[in-house]
Structures are given as C-alpha cells and as structure tokens.
Amino acid sequence: MIEFPNHSRSYDQTRRAVRFWGHDSALEASFFIDEGALRRIQPDARPDESGLLSAFDCNRDVICAAAAKVYVRGSRGSYNLAATDF
C-alpha cells in the first residue's frame, strides 16, 4: 500500500506541476499533479509557483487519496495526476 509520509513537494516549472513522493515499503514513486488538476480542486489558486504549491498544501489529503487510486506497485517510476483524476 502506498503512503505519503514525506510532506516534501516541489514545483516543476517545465511541467507546470507539483511533484511529490509516495512510499510503498522500500519503493519510492514520484507523482506530479498538473496545474489543471490543482485548479480543478481549488479554482481560485493563483497560476504561479507559490499559488500552486499553496493549493497543493491546502488539498494534500484529497491529492494523496487520488494518487493512491492511480498507483500500481512497481508499475512505473512516476505518475501524473490530471484534472480527470478528481
């Protein structure tokens, strides 16, 4: 089962997405949630780095729940969350 004990996150300007990590025992998986998904969750989010990181922080539980649904153990190294995942 994937868990999200690490509250670190970073903004990836190239992808216009917030990156965060999950852990399944010793396996680590990277997740990206794009701007469209963040703005679907929080429509008033500012479309800049600080605004998107803030939207992520305010909605971490919802985002991690969606990430857990798309995660398949050992399937790939990274996962992308889009607006359709919410």
Protein backbone atom coordinates (compact mmCIF):
# COMPACT_ATOMS: atom_id res chain seq x y z
CA MET A 1 0.00 0.00 0.00
CA ILE A 2 1.32 3.44 -0.91
CA GLU A 3 1.73 6.01 1.83
CA PHE A 4 2.74 9.66 1.76
CA PRO A 5 4.69 10.29 4.97
CA ASN A 6 7.09 12.76 3.34
CA HIS A 7 5.49 16.20 3.12
CA SER A 8 8.16 17.48 0.75
CA ARG A 9 6.96 18.80 -2.56
CA SER A 10 8.46 20.95 -5.27
CA TYR A 11 7.32 22.93 -8.26
CA ASP A 12 8.42 21.73 -11.69
CA GLN A 13 8.20 24.76 -13.97
CA THR A 14 8.75 22.75 -17.16
CA ARG A 15 5.73 20.55 -16.43
CA ARG A 16 3.79 23.31 -14.63
CA ALA A 17 3.16 20.72 -11.95
CA VAL A 18 3.84 20.00 -8.30
CA ARG A 19 5.98 16.94 -7.64
CA PHE A 20 5.60 14.83 -4.51
CA TRP A 21 6.61 11.35 -3.40
CA GLY A 22 4.96 8.25 -2.06
CA HIS A 23 6.45 5.16 -0.45
CA ASP A 24 5.39 1.53 -0.74
CA SER A 25 7.67 -0.29 1.69
CA ALA A 26 11.15 0.34 0.25
CA LEU A 27 9.85 1.52 -3.13
CA GLU A 28 9.59 5.24 -3.84
CA ALA A 29 7.29 6.62 -6.52
CA SER A 30 7.18 10.17 -7.89
CA PHE A 31 3.86 11.85 -8.53
CA PHE A 32 3.10 15.01 -10.48
CA ILE A 33 -0.14 16.95 -10.23
CA ASP A 34 -0.54 19.42 -13.05
CA GLU A 35 -1.87 22.96 -12.93
CA GLY A 36 -5.22 21.95 -14.44
CA ALA A 37 -5.83 19.41 -11.70
CA LEU A 38 -4.84 21.83 -8.96
CA ARG A 39 -7.12 24.50 -10.38
CA ARG A 40 -9.97 21.99 -10.60
CA ILE A 41 -9.55 21.23 -6.89
CA GLN A 42 -9.04 24.88 -5.96
CA PRO A 43 -10.38 27.16 -8.72
CA ASP A 44 -9.11 30.35 -7.09
CA ALA A 45 -5.48 29.13 -6.99
CA ARG A 46 -3.00 31.62 -8.41
CA PRO A 47 -1.33 30.23 -11.56
CA ASP A 48 2.22 30.78 -10.27
CA GLU A 49 4.62 28.66 -8.24
CA SER A 50 3.57 29.89 -4.82
CA GLY A 51 -0.12 29.72 -5.68
CA LEU A 52 0.09 26.15 -6.96
CA LEU A 53 2.21 24.99 -4.00
CA SER A 54 -0.31 26.58 -1.66
CA ALA A 55 -3.19 24.82 -3.46
CA PHE A 56 -1.31 21.54 -3.08
CA ASP A 57 -0.72 22.12 0.63
CA CYS A 58 -4.36 23.01 1.28
CA ASN A 59 -5.61 19.92 -0.54
CA ARG A 60 -2.92 17.36 0.29
CA ASP A 61 -5.34 14.73 1.65
CA VAL A 62 -7.53 14.79 -1.48
CA ILE A 63 -4.47 14.70 -3.75
CA CYS A 64 -2.84 11.80 -1.89
CA ALA A 65 -6.11 9.83 -1.98
CA ALA A 66 -6.28 10.29 -5.77
CA ALA A 67 -2.61 9.35 -6.09
CA ALA A 68 -3.22 6.15 -4.14
CA LYS A 69 -6.00 5.22 -6.58
CA VAL A 70 -3.78 5.57 -9.67
CA TYR A 71 -0.76 3.86 -8.09
CA VAL A 72 0.10 0.33 -9.20
CA ARG A 73 3.02 -1.21 -7.28
CA GLY A 74 6.17 -1.42 -9.35
CA SER A 75 4.33 -0.36 -12.48
CA ARG A 76 6.40 2.76 -13.18
CA GLY A 77 8.65 5.30 -11.58
CA SER A 78 6.32 8.28 -11.84
CA TYR A 79 2.62 9.03 -12.08
CA ASN A 80 0.81 12.05 -13.48
CA LEU A 81 -2.42 13.31 -11.93
CA ALA A 82 -4.66 15.33 -14.21
CA ALA A 83 -7.99 17.09 -13.75
CA THR A 84 -9.83 13.92 -14.80
CA ASP A 85 -8.47 12.15 -11.71
CA PHE A 86 -10.56 14.45 -9.48
